[in-house]
Amino acid sequence: MLRVNLIIAATSLMVTPALAQSIRLGPVLQEHSPDHMWVMWETTSNTPSIIEYGTSPALGQSVMGASGASQGGARIHHTRISNLDPDTVYYYRVGSGGAMSDVLTFRTPQRTEDEGAFRFAALSDTQGGPISDMHTQTINDGIIKFVQENFGPNL
């Protein structure tokens, strides 16, 4: 009986890391302006939302956000980064409960009075799972590559 209890305890300890917090979807850039950017991502549990950001890969600033319930116990995190400079590249990563995304980038738009011509691609909600991975590959290997080859590296 003691041997069975020890095996169960050891198995429970091995399973715990697999249940740790993870980013399930995103981050996704949403409503933006020359001085702010909203970022959304989905995680596997209810933990505080954080975005670390800055004008270099070292980041240096952070902002806390909010989350709400999603399907299957997941949480949707929605956080606003404010007081940004127009037409500026920012580095950022999102996280919650110890799980952090890779460092990514976005560029804030120009002020309306400074705007020139622009191009964009519109996509619908790709959901999650294998289809989402296929959409990501299509965007990275197809759309972004095509735009950079034909119109220059600055998207």
N, C-alpha and C. Protein backbone atom coordinates (compact mmCIF):
# COMPACT_ATOMS: atom_id res chain seq x y z
N MET A 1 0.82 -1.20 0.00
CA MET A 1 0.00 0.00 0.00
C MET A 1 0.86 1.25 0.00
N LEU A 2 1.91 1.25 0.77
CA LEU A 2 2.80 2.40 0.82
C LEU A 2 3.45 2.64 -0.54
N ARG A 3 3.86 1.57 -1.23
CA ARG A 3 4.49 1.70 -2.53
C ARG A 3 3.54 2.36 -3.52
N VAL A 4 2.27 2.00 -3.53
CA VAL A 4 1.29 2.60 -4.44
C VAL A 4 1.16 4.09 -4.17
N ASN A 5 1.08 4.48 -2.91
CA ASN A 5 0.97 5.90 -2.57
C ASN A 5 2.18 6.69 -3.05
N LEU A 6 3.36 6.14 -2.91
CA LEU A 6 4.56 6.83 -3.37
C LEU A 6 4.56 6.98 -4.88
N ILE A 7 4.13 5.97 -5.59
CA ILE A 7 4.07 6.05 -7.06
C ILE A 7 3.08 7.11 -7.49
N ILE A 8 1.93 7.18 -6.85
CA ILE A 8 0.93 8.19 -7.19
C ILE A 8 1.48 9.58 -6.90
N ALA A 9 2.14 9.76 -5.77
CA ALA A 9 2.70 11.07 -5.43
C ALA A 9 3.75 11.49 -6.45
N ALA A 10 4.63 10.58 -6.84
CA ALA A 10 5.66 10.90 -7.82
C ALA A 10 5.04 11.22 -9.17
N THR A 11 4.01 10.49 -9.56
CA THR A 11 3.33 10.76 -10.82
C THR A 11 2.68 12.13 -10.80
N SER A 12 2.07 12.49 -9.69
CA SER A 12 1.43 13.81 -9.58
C SER A 12 2.45 14.92 -9.73
N LEU A 13 3.62 14.74 -9.16
CA LEU A 13 4.66 15.75 -9.29
C LEU A 13 5.13 15.89 -10.73
N MET A 14 5.19 14.79 -11.46
CA MET A 14 5.63 14.85 -12.85
C MET A 14 4.58 15.50 -13.74
N VAL A 15 3.31 15.38 -13.41
CA VAL A 15 2.24 15.93 -14.24
C VAL A 15 2.09 17.43 -14.02
N THR A 16 2.40 17.93 -12.85
CA THR A 16 2.18 19.34 -12.53
C THR A 16 2.76 20.31 -13.55
N PRO A 17 4.02 20.17 -14.00
CA PRO A 17 4.54 21.13 -14.97
C PRO A 17 3.75 21.15 -16.26
N ALA A 18 3.21 20.04 -16.68
CA ALA A 18 2.44 20.00 -17.92
C ALA A 18 1.16 20.83 -17.80
N LEU A 19 0.67 21.04 -16.59
CA LEU A 19 -0.55 21.80 -16.39
C LEU A 19 -0.26 23.28 -16.15
N ALA A 20 0.99 23.68 -16.22
CA ALA A 20 1.36 25.07 -15.97
C ALA A 20 0.71 25.99 -17.00
N GLN A 21 0.67 27.26 -16.66
CA GLN A 21 0.11 28.30 -17.51
C GLN A 21 0.76 28.28 -18.90
N SER A 22 -0.04 28.46 -19.95
CA SER A 22 0.53 28.61 -21.29
C SER A 22 -0.32 29.57 -22.11
N ILE A 23 0.32 30.18 -23.09
CA ILE A 23 -0.38 31.07 -24.02
C ILE A 23 -0.97 30.19 -25.11
N ARG A 24 -2.28 30.23 -25.24
CA ARG A 24 -3.00 29.36 -26.15
C ARG A 24 -3.19 30.00 -27.52
N LEU A 25 -3.33 31.32 -27.56
CA LEU A 25 -3.60 32.03 -28.82
C LEU A 25 -3.05 33.43 -28.72
N GLY A 26 -2.43 33.89 -29.78
CA GLY A 26 -1.96 35.27 -29.84
C GLY A 26 -0.51 35.40 -29.49
N PRO A 27 -0.07 36.61 -29.28
CA PRO A 27 -0.84 37.85 -29.15
C PRO A 27 -1.35 38.37 -30.50
N VAL A 28 -2.46 39.11 -30.41
CA VAL A 28 -3.10 39.72 -31.57
C VAL A 28 -3.19 41.22 -31.33
N LEU A 29 -2.68 42.00 -32.28
CA LEU A 29 -2.77 43.47 -32.18
C LEU A 29 -4.16 43.89 -32.60
N GLN A 30 -4.77 44.77 -31.82
CA GLN A 30 -6.11 45.23 -32.12
C GLN A 30 -6.13 46.74 -32.17
N GLU A 31 -7.26 47.33 -31.95
CA GLU A 31 -7.45 48.79 -32.07
C GLU A 31 -6.17 49.56 -31.75
N HIS A 32 -5.74 50.38 -32.68
CA HIS A 32 -4.51 51.14 -32.49
C HIS A 32 -4.70 52.59 -32.90
N SER A 33 -3.80 53.41 -32.44
CA SER A 33 -3.76 54.82 -32.84
C SER A 33 -2.29 55.25 -32.76
N PRO A 34 -1.98 56.49 -33.11
CA PRO A 34 -0.59 56.93 -33.00
C PRO A 34 -0.03 56.89 -31.58
N ASP A 35 -0.92 56.86 -30.56
CA ASP A 35 -0.41 56.88 -29.19
C ASP A 35 -0.82 55.69 -28.32
N HIS A 36 -1.48 54.68 -28.89
CA HIS A 36 -1.79 53.49 -28.10
C HIS A 36 -1.98 52.26 -28.99
N MET A 37 -1.93 51.09 -28.35
CA MET A 37 -2.17 49.81 -29.04
C MET A 37 -2.83 48.87 -28.05
N TRP A 38 -3.92 48.22 -28.47
CA TRP A 38 -4.56 47.17 -27.68
C TRP A 38 -3.99 45.83 -28.13
N VAL A 39 -3.71 44.95 -27.18
CA VAL A 39 -3.18 43.62 -27.47
C VAL A 39 -4.06 42.59 -26.77
N MET A 40 -4.39 41.51 -27.50
CA MET A 40 -5.23 40.44 -26.95
C MET A 40 -4.47 39.13 -27.07
N TRP A 41 -4.62 38.26 -26.08
CA TRP A 41 -4.11 36.90 -26.15
C TRP A 41 -4.94 36.02 -25.24
N GLU A 42 -4.85 34.72 -25.44
CA GLU A 42 -5.64 33.77 -24.66
C GLU A 42 -4.70 32.82 -23.94
N THR A 43 -5.01 32.54 -22.68
CA THR A 43 -4.20 31.63 -21.87
C THR A 43 -5.06 30.51 -21.31
N THR A 44 -4.40 29.57 -20.65
CA THR A 44 -5.09 28.39 -20.13
C THR A 44 -5.59 28.54 -18.71
N SER A 45 -5.29 29.65 -18.04
CA SER A 45 -5.81 29.82 -16.68
C SER A 45 -5.93 31.29 -16.32
N ASN A 46 -6.57 31.55 -15.19
CA ASN A 46 -6.84 32.91 -14.75
C ASN A 46 -5.68 33.45 -13.92
N THR A 47 -4.78 34.17 -14.57
CA THR A 47 -3.65 34.79 -13.89
C THR A 47 -3.50 36.22 -14.41
N PRO A 48 -2.78 37.09 -13.70
CA PRO A 48 -2.67 38.49 -14.12
C PRO A 48 -2.06 38.65 -15.52
N SER A 49 -2.53 39.66 -16.24
CA SER A 49 -2.06 39.98 -17.59
C SER A 49 -0.94 41.01 -17.51
N ILE A 50 0.11 40.81 -18.30
CA ILE A 50 1.19 41.80 -18.35
C ILE A 50 1.73 41.90 -19.78
N ILE A 51 2.06 43.11 -20.18
CA ILE A 51 2.80 43.35 -21.42
C ILE A 51 4.06 44.09 -21.05
N GLU A 52 5.20 43.57 -21.48
CA GLU A 52 6.47 44.27 -21.36
C GLU A 52 6.77 44.85 -22.73
N TYR A 53 7.22 46.11 -22.81
CA TYR A 53 7.42 46.74 -24.11
C TYR A 53 8.48 47.83 -24.03
N GLY A 54 8.93 48.28 -25.19
CA GLY A 54 9.89 49.36 -25.27
C GLY A 54 10.32 49.57 -26.71
N THR A 55 11.19 50.54 -26.93
CA THR A 55 11.65 50.85 -28.29
C THR A 55 12.92 50.08 -28.65
N SER A 56 13.33 49.15 -27.80
CA SER A 56 14.45 48.25 -28.11
C SER A 56 14.09 46.86 -27.61
N PRO A 57 14.80 45.83 -28.07
CA PRO A 57 14.51 44.47 -27.60
C PRO A 57 14.69 44.29 -26.10
N ALA A 58 15.36 45.24 -25.44
CA ALA A 58 15.52 45.16 -23.98
C ALA A 58 14.20 45.47 -23.25
N LEU A 59 13.21 45.98 -23.97
CA LEU A 59 11.88 46.31 -23.45
C LEU A 59 11.98 47.45 -22.44
N GLY A 60 11.87 47.20 -21.14
CA GLY A 60 12.08 48.25 -20.15
C GLY A 60 10.83 48.83 -19.51
N GLN A 61 9.67 48.69 -20.13
CA GLN A 61 8.43 49.19 -19.54
C GLN A 61 7.43 48.05 -19.47
N SER A 62 6.42 48.20 -18.62
CA SER A 62 5.38 47.17 -18.54
C SER A 62 4.05 47.80 -18.18
N VAL A 63 2.99 47.09 -18.51
CA VAL A 63 1.63 47.52 -18.19
C VAL A 63 0.82 46.27 -17.84
N MET A 64 -0.02 46.40 -16.83
CA MET A 64 -0.91 45.31 -16.41
C MET A 64 -2.25 45.48 -17.10
N GLY A 65 -2.96 44.37 -17.31
CA GLY A 65 -4.24 44.43 -17.98
C GLY A 65 -5.28 43.58 -17.30
N ALA A 66 -6.35 43.31 -18.03
CA ALA A 66 -7.48 42.55 -17.49
C ALA A 66 -7.72 41.31 -18.35
N SER A 67 -8.49 40.37 -17.80
CA SER A 67 -8.87 39.18 -18.56
C SER A 67 -10.31 38.81 -18.26
N GLY A 68 -10.89 38.05 -19.16
CA GLY A 68 -12.26 37.57 -19.00
C GLY A 68 -12.35 36.11 -19.40
N ALA A 69 -13.43 35.47 -19.01
CA ALA A 69 -13.61 34.04 -19.28
C ALA A 69 -13.77 33.77 -20.77
N SER A 70 -13.24 32.63 -21.20
CA SER A 70 -13.40 32.14 -22.56
C SER A 70 -13.90 30.70 -22.46
N GLN A 71 -13.86 29.97 -23.54
CA GLN A 71 -14.35 28.59 -23.55
C GLN A 71 -13.38 27.65 -22.85
N GLY A 72 -13.92 26.64 -22.20
CA GLY A 72 -13.12 25.58 -21.61
C GLY A 72 -12.19 26.02 -20.50
N GLY A 73 -12.53 27.05 -19.77
CA GLY A 73 -11.70 27.50 -18.67
C GLY A 73 -10.56 28.41 -19.09
N ALA A 74 -10.43 28.70 -20.37
CA ALA A 74 -9.38 29.61 -20.84
C ALA A 74 -9.74 31.05 -20.48
N ARG A 75 -8.77 31.93 -20.57
CA ARG A 75 -8.97 33.36 -20.29
C ARG A 75 -8.50 34.18 -21.47
N ILE A 76 -9.26 35.21 -21.81
CA ILE A 76 -8.87 36.16 -22.85
C ILE A 76 -8.34 37.41 -22.15
N HIS A 77 -7.11 37.77 -22.47
CA HIS A 77 -6.44 38.94 -21.89
C HIS A 77 -6.50 40.06 -22.91
N HIS A 78 -6.84 41.26 -22.44
CA HIS A 78 -7.00 42.42 -23.32
C HIS A 78 -6.36 43.60 -22.60
N THR A 79 -5.27 44.10 -23.15
CA THR A 79 -4.47 45.11 -22.45
C THR A 79 -4.10 46.24 -23.40
N ARG A 80 -4.16 47.46 -22.89
CA ARG A 80 -3.83 48.65 -23.68
C ARG A 80 -2.45 49.18 -23.28
N ILE A 81 -1.62 49.41 -24.30
CA ILE A 81 -0.34 50.10 -24.10
C ILE A 81 -0.59 51.55 -24.49
N SER A 82 -0.36 52.48 -23.58
CA SER A 82 -0.66 53.90 -23.82
C SER A 82 0.62 54.74 -23.84
N ASN A 83 0.43 56.02 -24.19
CA ASN A 83 1.51 57.01 -24.22
C ASN A 83 2.65 56.61 -25.16
N LEU A 84 2.28 56.06 -26.33
CA LEU A 84 3.26 55.68 -27.34
C LEU A 84 3.52 56.85 -28.28
N ASP A 85 4.65 56.81 -28.97
CA ASP A 85 5.00 57.83 -29.95
C ASP A 85 4.51 57.39 -31.33
N PRO A 86 4.03 58.33 -32.16
CA PRO A 86 3.57 57.99 -33.50
C PRO A 86 4.72 57.48 -34.38
N ASP A 87 4.37 56.63 -35.35
CA ASP A 87 5.30 56.14 -36.36
C ASP A 87 6.60 55.62 -35.73
N THR A 88 6.43 54.78 -34.71
CA THR A 88 7.58 54.26 -33.96
C THR A 88 7.46 52.74 -33.84
N VAL A 89 8.58 52.05 -34.01
CA VAL A 89 8.61 50.60 -33.82
C VAL A 89 8.76 50.31 -32.33
N TYR A 90 7.88 49.44 -31.83
CA TYR A 90 7.94 48.99 -30.44
C TYR A 90 8.15 47.48 -30.41
N TYR A 91 8.94 47.04 -29.45
CA TYR A 91 9.14 45.63 -29.16
C TYR A 91 8.25 45.31 -27.97
N TYR A 92 7.67 44.11 -27.97
CA TYR A 92 6.79 43.75 -26.85
C TYR A 92 6.72 42.24 -26.69
N ARG A 93 6.30 41.84 -25.52
CA ARG A 93 5.93 40.45 -25.27
C ARG A 93 4.82 40.45 -24.25
N VAL A 94 3.96 39.45 -24.34
CA VAL A 94 2.83 39.35 -23.42
C VAL A 94 3.04 38.16 -22.51
N GLY A 95 2.38 38.20 -21.37
CA GLY A 95 2.51 37.08 -20.47
C GLY A 95 1.42 37.04 -19.43
N SER A 96 1.40 35.91 -18.76
CA SER A 96 0.41 35.69 -17.72
C SER A 96 0.84 34.46 -16.93
N GLY A 97 0.97 34.60 -15.64
CA GLY A 97 1.27 33.44 -14.80
C GLY A 97 2.59 32.77 -15.10
N GLY A 98 3.59 33.52 -15.53
CA GLY A 98 4.90 32.94 -15.81
C GLY A 98 5.13 32.55 -17.26
N ALA A 99 4.08 32.41 -18.04
CA ALA A 99 4.24 32.10 -19.47
C ALA A 99 4.39 33.41 -20.23
N MET A 100 5.46 33.54 -21.00
CA MET A 100 5.70 34.76 -21.77
C MET A 100 5.85 34.41 -23.24
N SER A 101 5.33 35.27 -24.11
CA SER A 101 5.50 35.08 -25.55
C SER A 101 6.92 35.44 -25.95
N ASP A 102 7.26 35.18 -27.20
CA ASP A 102 8.51 35.68 -27.76
C ASP A 102 8.40 37.20 -27.84
N VAL A 103 9.53 37.87 -28.01
CA VAL A 103 9.52 39.32 -28.23
C VAL A 103 9.13 39.56 -29.69
N LEU A 104 8.12 40.38 -29.89
CA LEU A 104 7.57 40.70 -31.21
C LEU A 104 7.65 42.21 -31.42
N THR A 105 7.24 42.68 -32.60
CA THR A 105 7.26 44.12 -32.87
C THR A 105 5.95 44.59 -33.48
N PHE A 106 5.68 45.87 -33.32
CA PHE A 106 4.63 46.56 -34.06
C PHE A 106 5.09 48.00 -34.28
N ARG A 107 4.48 48.65 -35.23
CA ARG A 107 4.76 50.06 -35.50
C ARG A 107 3.47 50.84 -35.28
N THR A 108 3.54 51.90 -34.50
CA THR A 108 2.37 52.76 -34.34
C THR A 108 2.15 53.54 -35.63
N PRO A 109 0.90 53.84 -35.97
CA PRO A 109 0.65 54.61 -37.19
C PRO A 109 1.08 56.06 -37.03
N GLN A 110 1.20 56.73 -38.17
CA GLN A 110 1.49 58.16 -38.16
C GLN A 110 0.27 58.92 -37.67
N ARG A 111 0.49 60.16 -37.26
CA ARG A 111 -0.65 61.04 -36.96
C ARG A 111 -1.40 61.28 -38.27
N THR A 112 -2.68 61.53 -38.19
CA THR A 112 -3.52 61.72 -39.37
C THR A 112 -2.95 62.77 -40.31
N GLU A 113 -2.49 63.87 -39.77
CA GLU A 113 -1.98 64.95 -40.62
C GLU A 113 -0.67 64.58 -41.32
N ASP A 114 0.01 63.51 -40.86
CA ASP A 114 1.28 63.08 -41.46
C ASP A 114 1.12 61.88 -42.38
N GLU A 115 -0.10 61.34 -42.50
CA GLU A 115 -0.31 60.09 -43.22
C GLU A 115 -0.05 60.22 -44.71
N GLY A 116 0.46 59.14 -45.27
CA GLY A 116 0.63 59.00 -46.70
C GLY A 116 -0.11 57.74 -47.14
N ALA A 117 0.25 57.23 -48.30
CA ALA A 117 -0.37 56.00 -48.80
C ALA A 117 0.02 54.82 -47.90
N PHE A 118 -0.84 53.82 -47.81
CA PHE A 118 -0.54 52.63 -47.04
C PHE A 118 -1.21 51.42 -47.67
N ARG A 119 -0.73 50.23 -47.29
CA ARG A 119 -1.29 48.97 -47.75
C ARG A 119 -1.64 48.13 -46.52
N PHE A 120 -2.64 47.27 -46.66
CA PHE A 120 -2.97 46.40 -45.55
C PHE A 120 -3.59 45.11 -46.07
N ALA A 121 -3.57 44.09 -45.24
CA ALA A 121 -4.23 42.82 -45.52
C ALA A 121 -5.24 42.60 -44.42
N ALA A 122 -6.43 42.16 -44.78
CA ALA A 122 -7.49 41.91 -43.79
C ALA A 122 -7.74 40.41 -43.70
N LEU A 123 -7.82 39.90 -42.47
CA LEU A 123 -8.08 38.49 -42.22
C LEU A 123 -9.20 38.37 -41.21
N SER A 124 -9.94 37.29 -41.30
CA SER A 124 -10.98 37.05 -40.30
C SER A 124 -10.37 36.28 -39.13
N ASP A 125 -11.18 36.01 -38.12
CA ASP A 125 -10.75 35.26 -36.94
C ASP A 125 -10.39 33.84 -37.37
N THR A 126 -9.13 33.44 -37.17
CA THR A 126 -8.67 32.13 -37.61
C THR A 126 -8.88 31.04 -36.56
N GLN A 127 -9.43 31.40 -35.39
CA GLN A 127 -9.66 30.46 -34.30
C GLN A 127 -8.36 29.81 -33.86
N GLY A 128 -8.41 28.59 -33.36
CA GLY A 128 -7.22 27.90 -32.89
C GLY A 128 -7.03 26.58 -33.59
N GLY A 129 -6.01 25.83 -33.19
CA GLY A 129 -5.77 24.50 -33.72
C GLY A 129 -5.01 24.50 -35.03
N PRO A 130 -5.07 23.36 -35.75
CA PRO A 130 -4.29 23.19 -36.98
C PRO A 130 -4.61 24.23 -38.06
N ILE A 131 -5.87 24.65 -38.15
CA ILE A 131 -6.23 25.64 -39.17
C ILE A 131 -5.56 26.97 -38.86
N SER A 132 -5.51 27.34 -37.60
CA SER A 132 -4.83 28.57 -37.20
C SER A 132 -3.36 28.53 -37.57
N ASP A 133 -2.72 27.38 -37.36
CA ASP A 133 -1.31 27.22 -37.73
C ASP A 133 -1.12 27.38 -39.23
N MET A 134 -2.05 26.86 -40.01
CA MET A 134 -1.97 26.97 -41.47
C MET A 134 -2.12 28.44 -41.89
N HIS A 135 -3.03 29.17 -41.26
CA HIS A 135 -3.19 30.60 -41.56
C HIS A 135 -1.91 31.37 -41.23
N THR A 136 -1.32 31.07 -40.08
CA THR A 136 -0.08 31.74 -39.68
C THR A 136 1.02 31.48 -40.70
N GLN A 137 1.15 30.23 -41.15
CA GLN A 137 2.16 29.90 -42.15
C GLN A 137 1.89 30.63 -43.46
N THR A 138 0.62 30.70 -43.87
CA THR A 138 0.26 31.41 -45.11
C THR A 138 0.62 32.88 -45.01
N ILE A 139 0.34 33.48 -43.87
CA ILE A 139 0.65 34.90 -43.69
C ILE A 139 2.16 35.12 -43.69
N ASN A 140 2.89 34.34 -42.89
CA ASN A 140 4.34 34.53 -42.78
C ASN A 140 5.07 34.19 -44.07
N ASP A 141 4.72 33.07 -44.70
CA ASP A 141 5.44 32.62 -45.89
C ASP A 141 4.88 33.21 -47.18
N GLY A 142 3.65 33.69 -47.15
CA GLY A 142 3.03 34.18 -48.37
C GLY A 142 2.82 35.67 -48.38
N ILE A 143 1.89 36.15 -47.60
CA ILE A 143 1.50 37.56 -47.66
C ILE A 143 2.65 38.47 -47.25
N ILE A 144 3.24 38.24 -46.09
CA ILE A 144 4.32 39.13 -45.62
C ILE A 144 5.51 39.07 -46.57
N LYS A 145 5.89 37.87 -46.99
CA LYS A 145 7.02 37.73 -47.92
C LYS A 145 6.74 38.46 -49.23
N PHE A 146 5.53 38.31 -49.78
CA PHE A 146 5.16 38.97 -51.03
C PHE A 146 5.24 40.50 -50.89
N VAL A 147 4.66 41.02 -49.81
CA VAL A 147 4.66 42.47 -49.61
C VAL A 147 6.09 42.99 -49.46
N GLN A 148 6.92 42.30 -48.68
CA GLN A 148 8.30 42.75 -48.49
C GLN A 148 9.10 42.69 -49.79
N GLU A 149 8.91 41.64 -50.59
CA GLU A 149 9.64 41.52 -51.85
C GLU A 149 9.19 42.56 -52.87
N ASN A 150 7.92 42.93 -52.86
CA ASN A 150 7.38 43.82 -53.88
C ASN A 150 7.30 45.29 -53.47
N PHE A 151 7.24 45.54 -52.16
CA PHE A 151 7.03 46.91 -51.71
C PHE A 151 8.05 47.38 -50.67
N GLY A 152 8.99 46.52 -50.28
CA GLY A 152 10.00 46.90 -49.31
C GLY A 152 9.77 46.27 -47.95
N PRO A 153 10.79 46.29 -47.10
CA PRO A 153 10.72 45.57 -45.82
C PRO A 153 9.87 46.23 -44.75
N ASN A 154 9.55 47.50 -44.88
CA ASN A 154 8.78 48.18 -43.84
C ASN A 154 7.30 48.02 -44.07
N LEU A 155 6.68 47.13 -43.31
CA LEU A 155 5.24 46.91 -43.45
C LEU A 155 4.47 48.01 -42.79
